[in-house]
Amino acid sequence: MPRANIPNALKNQVIDRASGCCEFCRAQLRFSPNSFHVEHHIPVSRGGTSTIDNLTLACPQCNLHKATKTEAVDPVSEQVVPLFNPRQMNWFEHFVWSDDTAQMLGITPTGRATVELLQTNRENLVNLRQVLRQLNLHPPD
């Protein structure tokens, strides 16, 4: 299926709304060597649209792990649950930072499944969070 064309003005709206952070792992675009993706939470292949209500800013790693998935298995209950949807859910209701703010912890079935599937505590990201914390630049507001 061809990639949906998202106008630059709409992409900029998504980036601004997300304050330049991955809406899943909270990685900050300004510290990333890679461009972030404006992605469809509900994939176009599943009827998702290229509207502001369905678009999410995601770092490349989260986006690649998510792919076309909208559900994942909660590692505690072993039940299939919806992935975190930044358009419908509040990040702070599903996740907290570890005491040292280096790790993202899921506190609900959706949060745990999202952390597990998207691997939001990848070693390079945890290392970056630790460095940014030392500079008072993490966690992002």
C-alpha atoms as a PDB file:
ATOM      1  CA  MET A   1       0.000   0.000   0.000  1.00  0.00           C
ATOM      2  CA  PRO A   2       1.401   3.429  -0.873  1.00  0.00           C
ATOM      3  CA  ARG A   3       2.418   5.699   1.968  1.00  0.00           C
ATOM      4  CA  ALA A   4      -0.209   8.314   2.845  1.00  0.00           C
ATOM      5  CA  ASN A   5       0.912  11.814   1.937  1.00  0.00           C
ATOM      6  CA  ILE A   6       0.667  14.079   4.977  1.00  0.00           C
ATOM      7  CA  PRO A   7       0.982  17.800   4.184  1.00  0.00           C
ATOM      8  CA  ASN A   8       3.911  19.583   5.849  1.00  0.00           C
ATOM      9  CA  ALA A   9       1.587  22.026   7.616  1.00  0.00           C
ATOM     10  CA  LEU A  10      -0.220  19.097   9.253  1.00  0.00           C
ATOM     11  CA  LYS A  11       3.089  17.451  10.190  1.00  0.00           C
ATOM     12  CA  ASN A  12       4.170  20.699  11.847  1.00  0.00           C
ATOM     13  CA  GLN A  13       0.911  20.805  13.819  1.00  0.00           C
ATOM     14  CA  VAL A  14       1.575  17.286  15.107  1.00  0.00           C
ATOM     15  CA  ILE A  15       5.163  18.152  16.081  1.00  0.00           C
ATOM     16  CA  ASP A  16       4.034  21.318  17.862  1.00  0.00           C
ATOM     17  CA  ARG A  17       1.222  19.537  19.697  1.00  0.00           C
ATOM     18  CA  ALA A  18       3.723  16.906  20.909  1.00  0.00           C
ATOM     19  CA  SER A  19       6.201  19.608  21.997  1.00  0.00           C
ATOM     20  CA  GLY A  20       8.839  17.839  19.907  1.00  0.00           C
ATOM     21  CA  CYS A  21       8.673  14.608  21.959  1.00  0.00           C
ATOM     22  CA  CYS A  22       7.882  11.073  20.914  1.00  0.00           C
ATOM     23  CA  GLU A  23       4.364  10.625  22.204  1.00  0.00           C
ATOM     24  CA  PHE A  24       5.202   7.089  23.321  1.00  0.00           C
ATOM     25  CA  CYS A  25       8.688   7.019  24.927  1.00  0.00           C
ATOM     26  CA  ARG A  26       8.990  10.826  25.397  1.00  0.00           C
ATOM     27  CA  ALA A  27      12.343  10.963  23.546  1.00  0.00           C
ATOM     28  CA  GLN A  28      13.097  14.524  22.535  1.00  0.00           C
ATOM     29  CA  LEU A  29      13.478  15.333  18.851  1.00  0.00           C
ATOM     30  CA  ARG A  30      16.037  18.055  19.539  1.00  0.00           C
ATOM     31  CA  PHE A  31      18.484  15.466  20.964  1.00  0.00           C
ATOM     32  CA  SER A  32      17.915  12.790  18.343  1.00  0.00           C
ATOM     33  CA  PRO A  33      20.283  12.166  15.439  1.00  0.00           C
ATOM     34  CA  ASN A  34      17.268  10.853  13.495  1.00  0.00           C
ATOM     35  CA  SER A  35      14.130  12.506  12.210  1.00  0.00           C
ATOM     36  CA  PHE A  36      10.916  11.584  13.997  1.00  0.00           C
ATOM     37  CA  HIS A  37       7.914  10.167  12.165  1.00  0.00           C
ATOM     38  CA  VAL A  38       4.425  11.554  11.993  1.00  0.00           C
ATOM     39  CA  GLU A  39       2.579   8.264  12.063  1.00  0.00           C
ATOM     40  CA  HIS A  40      -0.995   7.038  11.907  1.00  0.00           C
ATOM     41  CA  HIS A  41      -2.109   5.590  15.221  1.00  0.00           C
ATOM     42  CA  ILE A  42      -4.779   3.619  13.411  1.00  0.00           C
ATOM     43  CA  PRO A  43      -2.976   2.567  10.231  1.00  0.00           C
ATOM     44  CA  VAL A  44      -4.326   3.638   6.858  1.00  0.00           C
ATOM     45  CA  SER A  45      -4.468  -0.074   5.985  1.00  0.00           C
ATOM     46  CA  ARG A  46      -7.023  -0.465   8.801  1.00  0.00           C
ATOM     47  CA  GLY A  47      -9.117   2.546   7.871  1.00  0.00           C
ATOM     48  CA  GLY A  48      -7.100   5.228   9.672  1.00  0.00           C
ATOM     49  CA  THR A  49      -7.065   8.702   8.218  1.00  0.00           C
ATOM     50  CA  SER A  50      -4.430  11.384   7.809  1.00  0.00           C
ATOM     51  CA  THR A  51      -6.227  13.771  10.146  1.00  0.00           C
ATOM     52  CA  ILE A  52      -4.887  15.520  13.223  1.00  0.00           C
ATOM     53  CA  ASP A  53      -6.991  13.206  15.426  1.00  0.00           C
ATOM     54  CA  ASN A  54      -5.165  10.106  14.154  1.00  0.00           C
ATOM     55  CA  LEU A  55      -1.600  11.373  13.786  1.00  0.00           C
ATOM     56  CA  THR A  56       1.123  10.902  16.378  1.00  0.00           C
ATOM     57  CA  LEU A  57       4.745  12.010  16.638  1.00  0.00           C
ATOM     58  CA  ALA A  58       6.949   8.961  17.158  1.00  0.00           C
ATOM     59  CA  CYS A  59      10.677   8.373  17.287  1.00  0.00           C
ATOM     60  CA  PRO A  60      11.843   5.935  14.601  1.00  0.00           C
ATOM     61  CA  GLN A  61      12.308   3.066  17.060  1.00  0.00           C
ATOM     62  CA  CYS A  62       8.846   3.351  18.605  1.00  0.00           C
ATOM     63  CA  ASN A  63       7.288   3.718  15.175  1.00  0.00           C
ATOM     64  CA  LEU A  64       9.102   0.665  13.808  1.00  0.00           C
ATOM     65  CA  HIS A  65       8.171  -1.463  16.824  1.00  0.00           C
ATOM     66  CA  LYS A  66       4.549  -0.314  16.625  1.00  0.00           C
ATOM     67  CA  ALA A  67       4.262  -0.723  12.848  1.00  0.00           C
ATOM     68  CA  THR A  68       0.564  -1.400  12.170  1.00  0.00           C
ATOM     69  CA  LYS A  69      -0.231  -2.746  15.633  1.00  0.00           C
ATOM     70  CA  THR A  70      -2.939  -1.194  17.792  1.00  0.00           C
ATOM     71  CA  GLU A  71      -2.903  -3.892  20.503  1.00  0.00           C
ATOM     72  CA  ALA A  72      -0.311  -5.873  22.446  1.00  0.00           C
ATOM     73  CA  VAL A  73      -0.086  -8.362  25.289  1.00  0.00           C
ATOM     74  CA  ASP A  74       0.130  -7.067  28.861  1.00  0.00           C
ATOM     75  CA  PRO A  75       3.077  -9.015  30.338  1.00  0.00           C
ATOM     76  CA  VAL A  76       1.354  -9.230  33.748  1.00  0.00           C
ATOM     77  CA  SER A  77      -2.184 -10.335  32.875  1.00  0.00           C
ATOM     78  CA  GLU A  78      -1.185 -11.914  29.536  1.00  0.00           C
ATOM     79  CA  GLN A  79      -4.313 -10.316  28.038  1.00  0.00           C
ATOM     80  CA  VAL A  80      -4.396  -8.499  24.706  1.00  0.00           C
ATOM     81  CA  VAL A  81      -5.005  -4.807  25.408  1.00  0.00           C
ATOM     82  CA  PRO A  82      -5.002  -1.604  23.356  1.00  0.00           C
ATOM     83  CA  LEU A  83      -1.677   0.132  22.875  1.00  0.00           C
ATOM     84  CA  PHE A  84      -1.352   3.594  24.354  1.00  0.00           C
ATOM     85  CA  ASN A  85      -3.140   6.059  22.082  1.00  0.00           C
ATOM     86  CA  PRO A  86      -1.917   9.622  22.671  1.00  0.00           C
ATOM     87  CA  ARG A  87      -5.029  11.023  20.991  1.00  0.00           C
ATOM     88  CA  GLN A  88      -7.386   9.332  23.435  1.00  0.00           C
ATOM     89  CA  MET A  89      -5.311   8.633  26.551  1.00  0.00           C
ATOM     90  CA  ASN A  90      -3.279  10.638  29.056  1.00  0.00           C
ATOM     91  CA  TRP A  91       0.398   9.579  29.269  1.00  0.00           C
ATOM     92  CA  PHE A  92       0.517  10.125  33.040  1.00  0.00           C
ATOM     93  CA  GLU A  93      -2.417   7.771  33.623  1.00  0.00           C
ATOM     94  CA  HIS A  94      -0.511   4.874  32.037  1.00  0.00           C
ATOM     95  CA  PHE A  95       3.166   5.583  32.748  1.00  0.00           C
ATOM     96  CA  VAL A  96       5.521   6.923  35.397  1.00  0.00           C
ATOM     97  CA  TRP A  97       9.257   7.459  35.476  1.00  0.00           C
ATOM     98  CA  SER A  98      11.468   5.298  37.669  1.00  0.00           C
ATOM     99  CA  ASP A  99      12.952   7.092  40.686  1.00  0.00           C
ATOM    100  CA  ASP A 100      16.024   8.060  38.645  1.00  0.00           C
ATOM    101  CA  THR A 101      13.776   8.933  35.627  1.00  0.00           C
ATOM    102  CA  ALA A 102      15.845   6.701  33.347  1.00  0.00           C
ATOM    103  CA  GLN A 103      13.157   4.057  32.869  1.00  0.00           C
ATOM    104  CA  MET A 104       9.587   4.417  31.719  1.00  0.00           C
ATOM    105  CA  LEU A 105       7.258   2.187  33.729  1.00  0.00           C
ATOM    106  CA  GLY A 106       3.811   1.046  32.667  1.00  0.00           C
ATOM    107  CA  ILE A 107       1.288   1.249  35.513  1.00  0.00           C
ATOM    108  CA  THR A 108      -1.769  -0.083  33.656  1.00  0.00           C
ATOM    109  CA  PRO A 109      -2.227  -3.048  31.326  1.00  0.00           C
ATOM    110  CA  THR A 110      -2.060  -0.644  28.357  1.00  0.00           C
ATOM    111  CA  GLY A 111       1.044   1.030  29.788  1.00  0.00           C
ATOM    112  CA  ARG A 112       2.854  -2.250  30.424  1.00  0.00           C
ATOM    113  CA  ALA A 113       1.953  -3.643  26.994  1.00  0.00           C
ATOM    114  CA  THR A 114       3.149  -0.443  25.308  1.00  0.00           C
ATOM    115  CA  VAL A 115       6.462  -0.394  27.210  1.00  0.00           C
ATOM    116  CA  GLU A 116       7.035  -4.045  26.309  1.00  0.00           C
ATOM    117  CA  LEU A 117       6.081  -3.876  22.629  1.00  0.00           C
ATOM    118  CA  LEU A 118       7.777  -0.563  21.838  1.00  0.00           C
ATOM    119  CA  GLN A 119      10.816  -1.363  23.987  1.00  0.00           C
ATOM    120  CA  THR A 120      10.691   2.122  25.497  1.00  0.00           C
ATOM    121  CA  ASN A 121      13.612   1.344  27.798  1.00  0.00           C
ATOM    122  CA  ARG A 122      16.103   0.610  25.041  1.00  0.00           C
ATOM    123  CA  GLU A 123      19.677   0.856  26.321  1.00  0.00           C
ATOM    124  CA  ASN A 124      20.608   3.861  24.187  1.00  0.00           C
ATOM    125  CA  LEU A 125      17.476   5.728  25.261  1.00  0.00           C
ATOM    126  CA  VAL A 126      18.028   4.972  28.957  1.00  0.00           C
ATOM    127  CA  ASN A 127      21.616   6.205  28.613  1.00  0.00           C
ATOM    128  CA  LEU A 128      20.431   9.408  26.938  1.00  0.00           C
ATOM    129  CA  ARG A 129      17.826   9.975  29.655  1.00  0.00           C
ATOM    130  CA  GLN A 130      20.536   9.638  32.310  1.00  0.00           C
ATOM    131  CA  VAL A 131      22.744  12.218  30.602  1.00  0.00           C
ATOM    132  CA  LEU A 132      19.850  14.600  30.029  1.00  0.00           C
ATOM    133  CA  ARG A 133      18.762  14.226  33.655  1.00  0.00           C
ATOM    134  CA  GLN A 134      22.238  15.366  34.756  1.00  0.00           C
ATOM    135  CA  LEU A 135      21.678  18.502  32.655  1.00  0.00           C
ATOM    136  CA  ASN A 136      18.135  19.001  34.007  1.00  0.00           C
ATOM    137  CA  LEU A 137      16.734  18.362  30.528  1.00  0.00           C
ATOM    138  CA  HIS A 138      14.838  15.158  31.358  1.00  0.00           C
ATOM    139  CA  PRO A 139      12.087  14.328  31.877  1.00  0.00           C
ATOM    140  CA  PRO A 140      10.512  16.658  29.335  1.00  0.00           C
ATOM    141  CA  ASP A 141       7.628  18.796  30.579  1.00  0.00           C
END
